[in-house]
Every structure is written in C-alpha cells, then in structure tokens.
Amino acid sequence: MKVLVLNCGSSSIKYQLVDMANNANVMAKGLLERIGLEMGEFTHKWNGQKHYEQLPIPNHTEGIKIVLKALTDPKIGVISDLKEIGAVGNRVAHGGEIFKDSALVTDKVIEQIKSLEHLAPLHTPGNLAGIYAMREVLPGVPQAVVFDTAFHSTLPPKTFLYGLPYEMYEKYGIRRYGFHGTSHKFVAEKAAKMIGRDWNDLKIISCHLGSGASIAAIDHGKSFDTTMGMTALEGLIMGSRCGDVDPGVILYLMDQGYDSKALTKLLYKQSGLIGISGDKQDMRDIRAGRDAGDERATYAFDMFALRVKRYIGGYMAEMGGCDLLLFTGGIGENAWFMRRPILEGLECLGIKVDLELNDKIMGEDVILSTPDSKVATVVVTTDEEFVIASDTYRLVTAK
C-alpha cells in the first residue's frame, strides 16, 4: 500500500508518498507554502531530484490537486495512476480528550475534530481543509487522522491540571494536552533501541527542539509531563512563540488596549526568539548574531538554552531520575552549538557527555554520553511522517 501523508497548516501543505510495502520507502515529498496569497511556492522532491515553482495556490483543495498532479506527472511523478494511492494519513494538531489514538476519518470524526477547534484555532482549520480536499479529489480513498496530542493522553491529573478553579476544566476543558506526541513517542522508542533497552523500562526525557519546541517526561513508555499546555504556546521559548509567561502580563496588555486578535499575533508570531532578538528566528542566525556581538541575539541564545536546562532538571526531579536524555528536531538534531550550553554543567545530575563528539554531530543518530555517565544521552533523528504513515496503514488494513 502507498500512503499519502499530509500535514496541512493554515497556509501550507507538507506531504510524503510512502510505499509501506517497500520498507516504508519515501517515494516523493514536498511542500506548498503561501496558500491563499497572490503567489504561492511549490517544492517537490523525488529520486534525489528537486522541482520548484511559484504559482497561485488559492486554497487547500487546489493545493492538493497540485500535489496529485505532480505525483503522476510524466517528468517529476513517481506513480502512473492516482489509484495507486491506497490511503491518506492526516496530521491533526488537537484531539482533546476525545482522541487517545489515531482514527479513521468518518463524518462523526470530522464533527468531533470541529468541536475541538477552539483548542487549536490556528491549526485545526488547515488540518480539516486537507481532509475535505482529499474527500473531494479522491473520494473513495480511506483517510486516517493522527493526533499530536494522543500520546500525552496518559498525563495524570497532577500534571495536566492548571491552578484554576476545577470548574474551568469541567466546563471548558482547560488543561494541559501537550503536542509533538508523534515525535516524542517515535524518538523515545528509537533512542531506547540505540542503547539496547526497552523504552517501557526507562525514564526518558525527550527534547524536541525546533522552531516549535517541547520537552516530554516519559515514564516507562507513558507520557507523564510535557512543556506545551492547552495550546502550543506554553513551555520553552520558540521561534516566534513566547513560551512560559506570567498570565498577569496578558491582563496588563489587555489594559493597554490589546484585544484577543492582537494578543494572538503577539504571542504566536512576534515573540520567542524573533521577539527577543528583534529580527532573527532561525537558531543559526541567532548564533551568528551572538558571535558578532549582537546583545539581543545573545539574550535569545542564552534564554533558550537555560529554559531547556531548567525543564531537564525539573523533569528528573518529577520522575525521580532519568535513564535516557534525547535531543531531536531541527535544533536538537543539528545545532550542536545549542546542545553544548544545554549539556554543560549537567554533571551534577549524573549527565556526562563527550562534548568534542557533540560538536561534530549534525543530523545523525549518535550516543553522546560517556561510559561512566549515569544517564545515557543521545541525538536521534525524528520522522513524524513515518509514524503517520504507519498508523494509517495499521488502521486501514485492520478494517
């Protein structure tokens, strides 16, 4: 079976065509950006080759049509007929308390996802748009939905409740849900195998560090705590998201005239690394600015490292130790210069690593810890699309 994996954002579509019958081989992948704007961008990769063009992409349905046309194109395509696509797997940001596992798409499932839209207002419309588009373009092909929040459904009340009146949870569902679940689960299992252990026997701290970033405390195969909350704003400082902030600041800004729309833009798009540095969101640019003596870039760099370090120590205390510490995501896998300040000084927690080896690692699966370290520390590459494809295949073939 060939599974088309879709990750639809509000103005973008990431996709992969995965051949599950051939060791989950990625036949093609690509990205559509700037959907709905005057001119969009389309990047398609296959067999080591790349196609790029600028063209209008008015909506997600038209975007899906562009993807399907590329997949079957005589020059850049990898299949001869759309009938070769056996299933579609969709990433959905928020499953609330309804979805504790992936699910096949039905009318009822769509209505349930729509009922949770208030929990992820920036992500859910795009996720649904992809599902609708595929129903229109390939109506007979089964679809599955894989939720970012599902892995964190094991969080206990002592970690998922906020210090608000309990009625806020009962009435509005206000609680910690957590995100990046597909990534955290995948890399935790993979990293455990790297050190020859079963993840169900370990206490693991998973650091998914990228433009969006979160850390998860995984206790014997179950998510115990995580940095993102009801939304993807809480926790670590991110590319343009604020992370932890005093709620009183929000109240103060409201008194200054900020409404919900302005606050949403501020907290999601104008904060984090770009807000602190002023003009830099990519960690490579932040580092270059720091090295050039840019004071604000230095603040952003140091704040990011310190926040990660803070949560590592906190989660070790929560779980009563840690057997395995892992780094993944764009920054976690590649930015050795950020892993270094995070790891320096953690010897007091039993974490000892080969920093010279760390400085050579970009995008590889490597064990960084020294033989005498109490905690195994690894860099591990994630593959969320593989998880989505695998879950989709599992659900469709079990029908």
Protein backbone atom coordinates (compact mmCIF):
# COMPACT_ATOMS: atom_id res chain seq x y z
CA MET A 1 0.00 0.00 0.00
CA LYS A 2 1.14 3.51 -0.83
CA VAL A 3 0.14 6.07 1.81
CA LEU A 4 -0.01 9.79 1.12
CA VAL A 5 0.88 11.69 4.30
CA LEU A 6 -0.49 15.24 4.63
CA ASN A 7 0.50 17.86 7.19
CA CYS A 8 -1.73 20.84 6.44
CA GLY A 9 -1.19 24.16 8.17
CA SER A 10 -3.19 27.33 7.80
CA SER A 11 -1.25 28.36 4.68
CA SER A 12 0.91 25.33 3.89
CA ILE A 13 0.81 21.64 2.94
CA LYS A 14 3.69 19.25 3.64
CA TYR A 15 3.38 15.84 2.06
CA GLN A 16 5.10 12.49 1.55
CA LEU A 17 4.16 9.46 -0.52
CA VAL A 18 5.30 6.38 1.42
CA ASP A 19 5.44 2.86 0.00
CA MET A 20 4.60 0.71 3.02
CA ALA A 21 5.17 -2.50 1.04
CA ASN A 22 8.75 -1.47 0.32
CA ASN A 23 10.20 -0.83 3.80
CA ALA A 24 8.25 2.45 4.12
CA ASN A 25 10.27 3.94 1.28
CA VAL A 26 9.60 7.66 0.75
CA MET A 27 8.87 7.88 -2.97
CA ALA A 28 8.38 11.65 -3.04
CA LYS A 29 7.88 14.54 -0.68
CA GLY A 30 7.31 18.25 -0.88
CA LEU A 31 5.92 21.49 0.43
CA LEU A 32 3.36 24.05 -0.69
CA GLU A 33 3.61 27.44 1.01
CA ARG A 34 1.80 30.79 0.94
CA ILE A 35 -1.57 29.20 0.18
CA GLY A 36 -4.23 31.86 -0.27
CA LEU A 37 -1.79 34.64 -1.09
CA GLU A 38 -1.23 36.20 -4.50
CA MET A 39 1.62 33.84 -5.33
CA GLY A 40 2.42 30.51 -3.71
CA GLU A 41 5.54 28.33 -3.69
CA PHE A 42 5.77 24.64 -4.55
CA THR A 43 8.74 22.36 -3.87
CA HIS A 44 8.65 18.70 -4.94
CA LYS A 45 11.47 16.19 -4.36
CA TRP A 46 11.83 12.68 -5.82
CA ASN A 47 14.70 10.28 -6.57
CA GLY A 48 17.28 12.81 -5.42
CA GLN A 49 15.85 15.47 -7.72
CA LYS A 50 14.02 18.71 -6.98
CA HIS A 51 11.32 20.72 -8.73
CA TYR A 52 10.45 24.27 -7.64
CA GLU A 53 7.99 26.76 -9.00
CA GLN A 54 5.96 29.79 -8.00
CA LEU A 55 2.26 29.68 -8.85
CA PRO A 56 -1.09 30.78 -7.42
CA ILE A 57 -2.43 28.35 -4.79
CA PRO A 58 -5.81 29.87 -3.86
CA ASN A 59 -6.87 27.20 -1.34
CA HIS A 60 -6.05 23.76 0.07
CA THR A 61 -8.19 21.92 -2.49
CA GLU A 62 -6.20 23.46 -5.34
CA GLY A 63 -3.02 22.71 -3.39
CA ILE A 64 -3.96 19.03 -3.11
CA LYS A 65 -4.65 18.95 -6.86
CA ILE A 66 -1.14 20.34 -7.47
CA VAL A 67 0.35 17.61 -5.28
CA LEU A 68 -1.56 14.82 -7.02
CA LYS A 69 -0.70 16.20 -10.46
CA ALA A 70 3.00 16.25 -9.52
CA LEU A 71 2.89 12.68 -8.19
CA THR A 72 1.52 11.42 -11.53
CA ASP A 73 3.41 13.80 -13.82
CA PRO A 74 5.42 12.01 -16.58
CA LYS A 75 8.56 14.01 -15.74
CA ILE A 76 8.52 14.55 -11.97
CA GLY A 77 5.98 11.95 -10.84
CA VAL A 78 6.55 8.60 -9.11
CA ILE A 79 3.24 6.84 -9.84
CA SER A 80 1.31 6.39 -13.07
CA ASP A 81 -2.21 6.49 -11.65
CA LEU A 82 -3.85 8.02 -8.57
CA LYS A 83 -5.45 4.62 -7.94
CA GLU A 84 -2.05 3.55 -6.61
CA ILE A 85 -2.65 5.70 -3.52
CA GLY A 86 -4.23 3.28 -1.07
CA ALA A 87 -4.78 5.63 1.88
CA VAL A 88 -4.21 9.15 3.17
CA GLY A 89 -2.83 9.98 6.61
CA ASN A 90 -3.53 13.44 8.03
CA ARG A 91 -1.73 15.11 10.90
CA VAL A 92 -4.20 16.85 13.24
CA ALA A 93 -2.91 19.12 15.98
CA HIS A 94 -5.53 18.68 18.69
CA GLY A 95 -7.55 15.65 19.72
CA GLY A 96 -8.61 17.00 23.10
CA GLU A 97 -9.83 14.31 25.50
CA ILE A 98 -11.82 12.61 22.75
CA PHE A 99 -8.98 11.03 20.77
CA LYS A 100 -6.47 8.92 22.64
CA ASP A 101 -5.31 7.18 19.46
CA SER A 102 -5.34 7.71 15.73
CA ALA A 103 -8.67 7.14 13.94
CA LEU A 104 -10.18 6.51 10.53
CA VAL A 105 -11.95 9.53 9.08
CA THR A 106 -15.75 9.39 9.25
CA ASP A 107 -18.40 12.12 9.33
CA LYS A 108 -18.58 11.67 13.10
CA VAL A 109 -14.79 12.01 13.50
CA ILE A 110 -14.84 15.21 11.44
CA GLU A 111 -17.59 16.67 13.64
CA GLN A 112 -15.61 15.73 16.76
CA ILE A 113 -12.49 17.44 15.39
CA LYS A 114 -14.56 20.53 14.58
CA SER A 115 -15.87 20.57 18.16
CA LEU A 116 -12.26 20.89 19.37
CA GLU A 117 -11.34 23.73 17.01
CA HIS A 118 -11.33 26.29 19.84
CA LEU A 119 -8.40 24.43 21.40
CA ALA A 120 -6.20 24.88 18.30
CA PRO A 121 -7.75 27.72 16.28
CA LEU A 122 -4.63 28.32 14.18
CA HIS A 123 -4.05 24.67 13.26
CA THR A 124 -7.39 22.84 13.07
CA PRO A 125 -8.90 24.72 10.08
CA GLY A 126 -5.89 23.80 7.94
CA ASN A 127 -5.99 20.20 9.16
CA LEU A 128 -9.67 19.92 8.23
CA ALA A 129 -9.11 21.66 4.90
CA GLY A 130 -6.72 18.88 3.89
CA ILE A 131 -9.26 16.19 4.83
CA TYR A 132 -12.03 17.96 2.90
CA ALA A 133 -9.77 18.46 -0.12
CA MET A 134 -8.85 14.78 -0.27
CA ARG A 135 -12.51 13.77 0.05
CA GLU A 136 -13.29 15.96 -2.94
CA VAL A 137 -10.34 14.94 -5.11
CA LEU A 138 -10.08 11.23 -4.14
CA PRO A 139 -13.48 10.45 -2.62
CA GLY A 140 -13.04 6.67 -2.49
CA VAL A 141 -9.69 6.59 -0.71
CA PRO A 142 -9.76 5.88 3.07
CA GLN A 143 -8.26 8.53 5.32
CA ALA A 144 -6.87 8.44 8.84
CA VAL A 145 -6.13 11.19 11.35
CA VAL A 146 -3.11 11.11 13.65
CA PHE A 147 -3.20 13.49 16.61
CA ASP A 148 -0.30 15.45 18.10
CA THR A 149 -1.96 15.20 21.50
CA ALA A 150 -2.81 11.47 21.58
CA PHE A 151 0.47 10.25 23.10
CA HIS A 152 0.00 12.66 26.02
CA SER A 153 -3.41 11.22 26.93
CA THR A 154 -1.63 9.33 29.74
CA LEU A 155 -0.80 12.54 31.64
CA PRO A 156 -2.10 12.24 35.22
CA PRO A 157 -4.29 15.00 36.73
CA LYS A 158 -1.40 16.24 38.88
CA THR A 159 0.47 17.23 35.71
CA PHE A 160 -2.37 18.13 33.34
CA LEU A 161 -4.48 20.33 35.64
CA TYR A 162 -3.84 24.07 36.00
CA GLY A 163 -4.13 26.02 39.21
CA LEU A 164 -7.51 27.39 38.17
CA PRO A 165 -10.95 26.58 39.60
CA TYR A 166 -11.67 22.94 38.79
CA GLU A 167 -14.89 24.06 37.10
CA MET A 168 -12.77 25.62 34.33
CA TYR A 169 -11.60 22.13 33.43
CA GLU A 170 -15.07 20.61 33.70
CA LYS A 171 -16.84 23.34 31.74
CA TYR A 172 -14.28 24.42 29.15
CA GLY A 173 -11.74 21.59 29.03
CA ILE A 174 -8.95 23.91 30.19
CA ARG A 175 -5.99 21.62 30.94
CA ARG A 176 -2.59 20.63 29.63
CA TYR A 177 -2.85 18.49 26.48
CA GLY A 178 0.69 18.57 25.11
CA PHE A 179 1.86 18.37 21.48
CA HIS A 180 4.61 16.79 19.33
CA GLY A 181 3.27 13.46 20.60
CA THR A 182 4.00 11.53 17.40
CA SER A 183 7.61 12.72 17.51
CA HIS A 184 8.16 12.11 21.23
CA LYS A 185 6.81 8.56 21.01
CA PHE A 186 8.83 7.71 17.90
CA VAL A 187 12.18 9.02 19.13
CA ALA A 188 11.76 7.61 22.65
CA GLU A 189 11.35 4.08 21.27
CA LYS A 190 14.13 4.59 18.73
CA ALA A 191 16.59 6.08 21.25
CA ALA A 192 15.95 3.24 23.70
CA LYS A 193 16.86 0.73 20.97
CA MET A 194 20.07 2.70 20.32
CA ILE A 195 21.23 1.94 23.85
CA GLY A 196 19.93 -1.64 23.76
CA ARG A 197 16.99 -1.08 26.11
CA ASP A 198 13.19 -1.32 26.03
CA TRP A 199 11.61 2.12 26.41
CA ASN A 200 8.96 0.59 28.70
CA ASP A 201 11.72 0.01 31.27
CA LEU A 202 13.11 3.56 31.21
CA LYS A 203 12.60 7.07 32.48
CA ILE A 204 13.15 9.24 29.41
CA ILE A 205 13.39 13.00 28.85
CA SER A 206 12.70 13.81 25.21
CA CYS A 207 13.76 17.24 23.94
CA HIS A 208 12.08 18.05 20.61
CA LEU A 209 13.79 21.33 19.76
CA GLY A 210 12.92 23.28 16.64
CA SER A 211 11.00 26.40 15.67
CA GLY A 212 8.27 24.76 17.69
CA ALA A 213 9.80 23.10 20.75
CA SER A 214 8.67 20.92 23.62
CA ILE A 215 10.09 18.53 26.19
CA ALA A 216 8.34 15.41 27.44
CA ALA A 217 8.92 13.34 30.57
CA ILE A 218 8.20 9.72 29.56
CA ASP A 219 7.96 7.27 32.45
CA HIS A 220 8.08 3.59 31.43
CA GLY A 221 6.51 4.13 28.00
CA LYS A 222 3.89 6.66 29.08
CA SER A 223 3.92 10.44 28.84
CA PHE A 224 4.00 11.79 32.38
CA ASP A 225 4.52 15.51 31.81
CA THR A 226 5.24 17.87 28.93
CA THR A 227 6.02 21.54 28.45
CA MET A 228 3.29 22.53 25.98
CA GLY A 229 -0.11 23.01 27.51
CA MET A 230 -3.68 23.58 26.38
CA THR A 231 -2.13 25.27 23.36
CA ALA A 232 1.28 25.15 21.70
CA LEU A 233 2.30 28.43 23.38
CA GLU A 234 3.36 27.18 26.79
CA GLY A 235 6.77 25.92 27.85
CA LEU A 236 10.01 26.60 26.01
CA ILE A 237 10.86 29.79 24.15
CA MET A 238 10.29 29.02 20.46
CA GLY A 239 10.98 30.60 17.09
CA SER A 240 8.14 33.11 17.33
CA ARG A 241 6.11 31.79 20.30
CA CYS A 242 6.58 33.15 23.80
CA GLY A 243 6.68 30.01 25.96
CA ASP A 244 6.09 30.43 29.70
CA VAL A 245 4.95 33.91 30.66
CA ASP A 246 3.27 35.42 33.72
CA PRO A 247 -0.51 35.46 33.00
CA GLY A 248 -0.56 38.87 34.66
CA VAL A 249 1.36 40.20 31.66
CA ILE A 250 -1.59 39.31 29.43
CA LEU A 251 -4.00 41.11 31.75
CA TYR A 252 -1.74 44.16 31.75
CA LEU A 253 -1.57 44.19 27.94
CA MET A 254 -5.37 43.99 27.78
CA ASP A 255 -5.49 47.09 29.95
CA GLN A 256 -3.17 48.73 27.42
CA GLY A 257 -5.69 48.12 24.65
CA TYR A 258 -4.64 44.75 23.20
CA ASP A 259 -7.62 42.64 22.12
CA SER A 260 -7.60 38.85 21.58
CA LYS A 261 -6.62 39.18 17.91
CA ALA A 262 -3.66 41.43 18.70
CA LEU A 263 -2.59 39.21 21.60
CA THR A 264 -2.76 36.09 19.42
CA LYS A 265 -0.49 37.72 16.84
CA LEU A 266 1.90 38.94 19.55
CA LEU A 267 2.19 35.63 21.41
CA TYR A 268 2.27 33.28 18.40
CA LYS A 269 4.06 35.32 15.72
CA GLN A 270 6.05 38.16 17.30
CA SER A 271 7.53 36.64 20.47
CA GLY A 272 10.12 33.97 21.27
CA LEU A 273 13.50 34.15 19.54
CA ILE A 274 12.38 36.70 16.95
CA GLY A 275 10.76 38.87 19.59
CA ILE A 276 13.83 38.88 21.82
CA SER A 277 16.42 39.26 19.06
CA GLY A 278 14.33 41.67 17.01
CA ASP A 279 14.86 40.10 13.60
CA LYS A 280 16.16 36.52 13.93
CA GLN A 281 14.14 33.32 14.27
CA ASP A 282 16.47 30.62 12.93
CA MET A 283 18.91 29.36 15.59
CA ARG A 284 21.78 29.57 13.10
CA ASP A 285 21.11 33.29 12.66
CA ILE A 286 20.78 33.72 16.42
CA ARG A 287 24.18 32.11 16.89
CA ALA A 288 25.76 34.25 14.16
CA GLY A 289 24.34 37.36 15.79
CA ARG A 290 25.69 36.33 19.17
CA ASP A 291 29.12 35.62 17.71
CA ALA A 292 29.07 39.07 16.08
CA GLY A 293 28.39 40.74 19.43
CA ASP A 294 24.65 41.34 18.97
CA GLU A 295 23.40 41.76 22.54
CA ARG A 296 19.78 40.83 21.85
CA ALA A 297 20.76 37.74 19.86
CA THR A 298 22.90 36.73 22.84
CA TYR A 299 19.90 37.13 25.15
CA ALA A 300 17.80 34.91 22.86
CA PHE A 301 20.52 32.23 22.61
CA ASP A 302 21.16 32.08 26.34
CA MET A 303 17.47 32.17 27.29
CA PHE A 304 16.66 29.23 25.02
CA ALA A 305 19.46 27.09 26.47
CA LEU A 306 18.57 27.97 30.05
CA ARG A 307 14.89 27.15 29.61
CA VAL A 308 15.70 23.70 28.20
CA LYS A 309 18.14 23.07 31.04
CA ARG A 310 15.51 24.14 33.59
CA TYR A 311 12.97 21.61 32.34
CA ILE A 312 15.50 18.77 32.15
CA GLY A 313 16.30 19.24 35.82
CA GLY A 314 12.65 19.65 36.75
CA TYR A 315 11.55 16.51 34.96
CA MET A 316 14.36 14.49 36.54
CA ALA A 317 13.02 15.59 39.91
CA GLU A 318 9.43 14.76 38.94
CA MET A 319 10.27 11.22 37.78
CA GLY A 320 12.86 10.54 40.48
CA GLY A 321 15.68 10.25 37.98
CA CYS A 322 16.35 9.78 34.29
CA ASP A 323 17.82 6.86 32.35
CA LEU A 324 17.83 8.41 28.88
CA LEU A 325 18.04 12.02 27.68
CA LEU A 326 17.47 12.62 23.97
CA PHE A 327 17.66 15.54 21.55
CA THR A 328 15.66 15.66 18.32
CA GLY A 329 14.01 18.16 15.96
CA GLY A 330 15.71 20.70 13.71
CA ILE A 331 17.70 22.32 16.51
CA GLY A 332 18.11 19.21 18.64
CA GLU A 333 19.49 17.15 15.77
CA ASN A 334 21.64 19.76 14.02
CA ALA A 335 22.50 22.71 16.28
CA TRP A 336 25.42 21.20 18.18
CA PHE A 337 26.27 24.74 19.31
CA MET A 338 22.97 24.87 21.20
CA ARG A 339 23.21 21.34 22.62
CA ARG A 340 26.60 22.25 24.12
CA PRO A 341 25.43 25.02 26.52
CA ILE A 342 22.40 22.90 27.45
CA LEU A 343 24.60 19.93 28.37
CA GLU A 344 27.41 21.85 30.05
CA GLY A 345 27.10 21.79 33.82
CA LEU A 346 24.69 18.85 34.00
CA GLU A 347 27.30 16.60 35.61
CA CYS A 348 25.60 17.34 38.95
CA LEU A 349 22.61 15.37 37.60
CA GLY A 350 24.74 12.42 36.51
CA ILE A 351 24.76 13.54 32.87
CA LYS A 352 28.24 13.28 31.34
CA VAL A 353 28.81 13.67 27.61
CA ASP A 354 31.65 13.82 25.12
CA LEU A 355 31.43 17.48 24.13
CA GLU A 356 34.04 17.09 21.38
CA LEU A 357 31.86 14.41 19.79
CA ASN A 358 28.78 16.59 20.29
CA ASP A 359 30.41 19.37 18.27
CA LYS A 360 30.71 17.07 15.25
CA ILE A 361 27.14 15.78 15.16
CA MET A 362 24.52 17.14 12.78
CA GLY A 363 21.53 15.07 11.69
CA GLU A 364 22.87 11.71 12.88
CA ASP A 365 21.78 9.10 15.42
CA VAL A 366 24.62 9.14 17.96
CA ILE A 367 25.21 8.31 21.62
CA LEU A 368 26.91 11.33 23.25
CA SER A 369 27.20 10.11 26.83
CA THR A 370 30.46 8.83 28.26
CA PRO A 371 30.72 5.24 29.59
CA ASP A 372 30.67 6.45 33.22
CA SER A 373 27.54 8.62 32.79
CA LYS A 374 24.53 7.65 34.90
CA VAL A 375 22.26 8.96 32.14
CA ALA A 376 22.51 7.87 28.51
CA THR A 377 22.39 10.93 26.26
CA VAL A 378 21.69 10.62 22.54
CA VAL A 379 20.94 12.62 19.43
CA VAL A 380 18.17 10.90 17.46
CA THR A 381 16.50 11.87 14.18
CA THR A 382 12.72 12.04 14.19
CA ASP A 383 10.31 11.02 11.44
CA GLU A 384 6.75 12.14 12.20
CA GLU A 385 5.62 11.32 8.66
CA PHE A 386 6.67 7.69 9.14
CA VAL A 387 4.53 7.49 12.29
CA ILE A 388 1.54 8.95 10.43
CA ALA A 389 2.03 6.53 7.53
CA SER A 390 2.39 3.56 9.88
CA ASP A 391 -0.70 4.45 11.92
CA THR A 392 -2.71 4.97 8.74
CA TYR A 393 -1.60 1.62 7.35
CA ARG A 394 -2.45 -0.09 10.66
CA LEU A 395 -5.97 1.36 10.76
CA VAL A 396 -6.81 0.83 7.10
CA THR A 397 -5.58 -2.78 6.97
CA ALA A 398 -7.42 -3.65 10.21
CA LYS A 399 -10.80 -2.77 8.70
